N, C-alpha and C. Protein backbone atom coordinates (compact mmCIF):
# COMPACT_ATOMS: atom_id res chain seq x y z
N MET A 1 149.83 75.34 232.23
CA MET A 1 149.75 75.85 233.57
C MET A 1 148.47 75.32 234.22
N THR A 2 148.59 74.89 235.45
CA THR A 2 147.42 74.36 236.14
C THR A 2 146.58 75.51 236.67
N LEU A 3 145.35 75.18 237.06
CA LEU A 3 144.43 76.19 237.59
C LEU A 3 144.97 76.81 238.87
N THR A 4 145.57 76.00 239.74
CA THR A 4 146.12 76.50 240.99
C THR A 4 147.27 77.47 240.73
N ARG A 5 148.12 77.13 239.77
CA ARG A 5 149.26 77.98 239.45
C ARG A 5 148.78 79.29 238.82
N LYS A 6 147.77 79.22 237.95
CA LYS A 6 147.21 80.43 237.35
C LYS A 6 146.61 81.33 238.43
N SER A 7 145.91 80.73 239.37
CA SER A 7 145.31 81.50 240.47
C SER A 7 146.39 82.20 241.30
N THR A 8 147.47 81.48 241.57
CA THR A 8 148.57 82.04 242.35
C THR A 8 149.21 83.21 241.62
N VAL A 9 149.45 83.06 240.33
CA VAL A 9 150.03 84.13 239.52
C VAL A 9 149.10 85.33 239.51
N PHE A 10 147.81 85.10 239.36
CA PHE A 10 146.84 86.19 239.35
C PHE A 10 146.82 86.94 240.69
N VAL A 11 146.82 86.21 241.79
CA VAL A 11 146.80 86.83 243.12
C VAL A 11 148.07 87.64 243.34
N LEU A 12 149.22 87.10 242.94
CA LEU A 12 150.48 87.84 243.10
C LEU A 12 150.48 89.11 242.25
N ALA A 13 150.00 89.00 241.02
CA ALA A 13 149.95 90.18 240.15
C ALA A 13 149.01 91.24 240.74
N ALA A 14 147.88 90.82 241.25
CA ALA A 14 146.93 91.75 241.85
C ALA A 14 147.54 92.43 243.08
N ALA A 15 148.28 91.67 243.88
CA ALA A 15 148.92 92.23 245.07
C ALA A 15 149.98 93.27 244.69
N ILE A 16 150.77 92.97 243.66
CA ILE A 16 151.80 93.91 243.20
C ILE A 16 151.16 95.20 242.69
N ILE A 17 150.10 95.08 241.92
CA ILE A 17 149.41 96.26 241.41
C ILE A 17 148.82 97.07 242.56
N ALA A 18 148.22 96.40 243.54
CA ALA A 18 147.63 97.10 244.68
C ALA A 18 148.70 97.84 245.48
N LEU A 19 149.85 97.21 245.69
CA LEU A 19 150.94 97.87 246.42
C LEU A 19 151.48 99.08 245.66
N ALA A 20 151.64 98.93 244.37
CA ALA A 20 152.14 100.05 243.56
C ALA A 20 151.16 101.20 243.58
N TRP A 21 149.87 100.91 243.50
CA TRP A 21 148.84 101.97 243.51
C TRP A 21 148.77 102.64 244.88
N SER A 22 148.84 101.86 245.96
CA SER A 22 148.71 102.44 247.29
C SER A 22 149.89 103.32 247.64
N SER A 23 151.07 103.06 247.07
CA SER A 23 152.22 103.90 247.37
C SER A 23 152.08 105.28 246.72
N ARG A 24 151.21 105.40 245.70
CA ARG A 24 151.01 106.68 245.02
C ARG A 24 149.91 107.51 245.67
N VAL A 25 149.09 106.88 246.46
CA VAL A 25 147.98 107.58 247.10
C VAL A 25 148.50 108.24 248.37
N HIS A 26 148.28 109.54 248.49
CA HIS A 26 148.71 110.28 249.68
C HIS A 26 147.49 110.57 250.53
N ALA A 27 147.63 110.36 251.82
CA ALA A 27 146.53 110.63 252.72
C ALA A 27 146.35 112.15 252.85
N ALA A 28 145.11 112.58 252.79
CA ALA A 28 144.81 114.01 252.96
C ALA A 28 145.04 114.39 254.42
N PRO A 29 145.56 115.59 254.66
CA PRO A 29 145.78 115.99 256.05
C PRO A 29 144.44 116.10 256.78
N ALA A 30 144.46 115.74 258.04
CA ALA A 30 143.23 115.80 258.85
C ALA A 30 142.80 117.25 259.02
N ALA A 31 141.51 117.48 258.94
CA ALA A 31 140.98 118.84 259.08
C ALA A 31 141.08 119.29 260.54
N GLN A 32 141.50 120.52 260.72
CA GLN A 32 141.52 121.13 262.05
C GLN A 32 140.08 121.48 262.39
N VAL A 33 139.63 121.14 263.60
CA VAL A 33 138.26 121.44 264.02
C VAL A 33 138.29 122.67 264.92
N VAL A 34 137.51 123.69 264.54
CA VAL A 34 137.40 124.91 265.34
C VAL A 34 135.96 125.03 265.81
N LYS A 35 135.76 125.03 267.13
CA LYS A 35 134.42 125.16 267.69
C LYS A 35 134.17 126.63 268.03
N ILE A 36 133.06 127.16 267.49
CA ILE A 36 132.71 128.57 267.68
C ILE A 36 131.32 128.63 268.31
N THR A 37 131.18 129.47 269.33
CA THR A 37 129.89 129.66 269.98
C THR A 37 129.43 131.10 269.78
N ALA A 38 128.22 131.25 269.28
CA ALA A 38 127.64 132.58 269.07
C ALA A 38 126.66 132.87 270.20
N SER A 39 126.75 134.08 270.72
CA SER A 39 125.77 134.56 271.69
C SER A 39 125.63 136.06 271.48
N LYS A 40 124.82 136.70 272.26
CA LYS A 40 124.47 138.11 272.04
C LYS A 40 125.67 138.97 271.64
N PHE A 41 125.71 139.33 270.37
CA PHE A 41 126.65 140.29 269.79
C PHE A 41 128.12 139.91 269.85
N HIS A 42 128.44 138.61 270.02
CA HIS A 42 129.84 138.22 269.91
C HIS A 42 129.97 136.72 269.66
N PHE A 43 131.16 136.34 269.20
CA PHE A 43 131.48 134.95 268.95
C PHE A 43 132.66 134.57 269.84
N GLU A 44 132.70 133.35 270.29
CA GLU A 44 133.79 132.86 271.13
C GLU A 44 134.37 131.61 270.47
N PRO A 45 135.63 131.55 270.15
CA PRO A 45 136.66 132.54 270.39
C PRO A 45 136.51 133.74 269.46
N TYR A 46 137.03 134.86 269.91
CA TYR A 46 136.92 136.12 269.17
C TYR A 46 137.85 136.12 267.96
N HIS A 47 139.02 135.49 268.09
CA HIS A 47 140.05 135.53 267.05
C HIS A 47 140.53 134.11 266.77
N ILE A 48 140.60 133.74 265.50
CA ILE A 48 141.06 132.41 265.09
C ILE A 48 142.15 132.58 264.04
N VAL A 49 143.24 131.84 264.18
CA VAL A 49 144.33 131.88 263.20
C VAL A 49 144.38 130.52 262.51
N LEU A 50 144.36 130.54 261.17
CA LEU A 50 144.42 129.31 260.39
C LEU A 50 145.63 129.35 259.46
N LYS A 51 146.12 128.17 259.11
CA LYS A 51 147.23 128.07 258.16
C LYS A 51 146.65 127.93 256.76
N LYS A 52 147.18 128.70 255.82
CA LYS A 52 146.72 128.64 254.44
C LYS A 52 146.95 127.24 253.88
N GLY A 53 145.92 126.70 253.26
CA GLY A 53 146.00 125.38 252.65
C GLY A 53 145.64 124.23 253.57
N GLN A 54 145.55 124.48 254.89
CA GLN A 54 145.19 123.41 255.83
C GLN A 54 143.67 123.31 255.91
N PRO A 55 143.11 122.11 255.74
CA PRO A 55 141.66 121.96 255.85
C PRO A 55 141.16 122.32 257.24
N VAL A 56 139.97 122.89 257.30
CA VAL A 56 139.40 123.27 258.59
C VAL A 56 137.91 122.96 258.58
N THR A 57 137.41 122.52 259.71
CA THR A 57 135.98 122.31 259.92
C THR A 57 135.52 123.27 260.99
N LEU A 58 134.54 124.12 260.66
CA LEU A 58 134.00 125.05 261.64
C LEU A 58 132.72 124.45 262.23
N GLN A 59 132.70 124.27 263.54
CA GLN A 59 131.51 123.79 264.23
C GLN A 59 130.95 124.98 265.00
N ILE A 60 129.87 125.56 264.45
CA ILE A 60 129.32 126.79 265.01
C ILE A 60 127.98 126.51 265.64
N THR A 61 127.82 126.95 266.88
CA THR A 61 126.55 126.78 267.58
C THR A 61 126.10 128.14 268.14
N SER A 62 124.79 128.30 268.27
CA SER A 62 124.23 129.52 268.83
C SER A 62 123.59 129.18 270.17
N LEU A 63 123.81 130.03 271.15
CA LEU A 63 123.25 129.79 272.47
C LEU A 63 121.87 130.41 272.65
N ASP A 64 121.54 131.44 271.83
CA ASP A 64 120.31 132.17 272.15
C ASP A 64 119.35 132.36 270.97
N THR A 65 119.84 132.80 269.82
CA THR A 65 118.95 133.12 268.71
C THR A 65 119.71 132.92 267.39
N THR A 66 119.11 133.28 266.28
CA THR A 66 119.78 133.17 264.99
C THR A 66 120.82 134.29 264.84
N HIS A 67 122.01 133.92 264.39
CA HIS A 67 123.09 134.88 264.19
C HIS A 67 123.58 134.77 262.74
N GLY A 68 123.94 135.88 262.16
CA GLY A 68 124.59 135.87 260.86
C GLY A 68 126.06 135.55 261.04
N PHE A 69 126.62 134.85 260.07
CA PHE A 69 128.05 134.49 260.13
C PHE A 69 128.63 134.64 258.73
N MET A 70 129.64 135.53 258.60
CA MET A 70 130.25 135.79 257.30
C MET A 70 131.77 135.80 257.42
N LEU A 71 132.41 135.07 256.51
CA LEU A 71 133.87 135.09 256.36
C LEU A 71 134.15 135.29 254.88
N ARG A 72 134.37 136.52 254.48
CA ARG A 72 134.57 136.83 253.06
C ARG A 72 135.73 136.06 252.43
N PRO A 73 136.89 135.96 253.12
CA PRO A 73 138.01 135.24 252.48
C PRO A 73 137.69 133.77 252.18
N LEU A 74 136.80 133.17 252.96
CA LEU A 74 136.44 131.77 252.76
C LEU A 74 135.11 131.62 252.02
N LYS A 75 134.52 132.76 251.63
CA LYS A 75 133.24 132.77 250.90
C LYS A 75 132.13 132.06 251.67
N ILE A 76 132.06 132.37 252.96
CA ILE A 76 131.01 131.83 253.82
C ILE A 76 130.09 132.96 254.23
N ASP A 77 128.80 132.78 254.01
CA ASP A 77 127.79 133.75 254.44
C ASP A 77 126.53 132.95 254.76
N THR A 78 126.27 132.75 256.04
CA THR A 78 125.17 131.89 256.44
C THR A 78 124.56 132.36 257.76
N ASP A 79 123.44 131.76 258.12
CA ASP A 79 122.80 132.01 259.41
C ASP A 79 123.03 130.81 260.31
N ILE A 80 123.31 131.08 261.57
CA ILE A 80 123.47 130.04 262.58
C ILE A 80 122.24 130.10 263.47
N ARG A 81 121.45 129.06 263.45
CA ARG A 81 120.22 129.03 264.23
C ARG A 81 120.47 128.35 265.57
N ALA A 82 119.76 128.85 266.58
CA ALA A 82 119.90 128.29 267.93
C ALA A 82 119.32 126.88 267.97
N ALA A 83 120.01 126.00 268.66
CA ALA A 83 119.53 124.62 268.79
C ALA A 83 118.27 124.60 269.68
N ASN A 84 118.29 125.36 270.76
CA ASN A 84 117.16 125.44 271.68
C ASN A 84 116.86 126.92 271.97
N PRO A 85 116.11 127.58 271.07
CA PRO A 85 115.85 129.01 271.31
C PRO A 85 115.09 129.23 272.61
N PRO A 86 115.33 130.35 273.28
CA PRO A 86 114.72 130.58 274.59
C PRO A 86 113.23 130.90 274.53
N TRP A 87 112.62 131.02 273.37
CA TRP A 87 111.21 131.34 273.29
C TRP A 87 110.35 130.12 273.11
C-alpha cells in the first residue's frame, strides 16, 4: 500500500469513527434563564414555575442593599449584594 492510500484509509476510518461517536452524543437542553430583581422586602417576579429536570439559570440582582435568598428544594441559600448600594 502506498503512503497516499494509507493516508486516505486512515482519514476515512477517522471520519467513520467521528460520525459514529457524534451520533451518540446528545445535546444538553438549553438552560431557561430567569431574571429576578430584589428590592425592599420583595422579589420580582413574585412567583416562578419551573419544569422538573429542566436546567435553569437564575440571574438575581439587588437594587438597594444585600438580600438573603433561599430556595430549599434547590438547596440554595445565599446573599445577593447590591451592584451599586445607595450609601
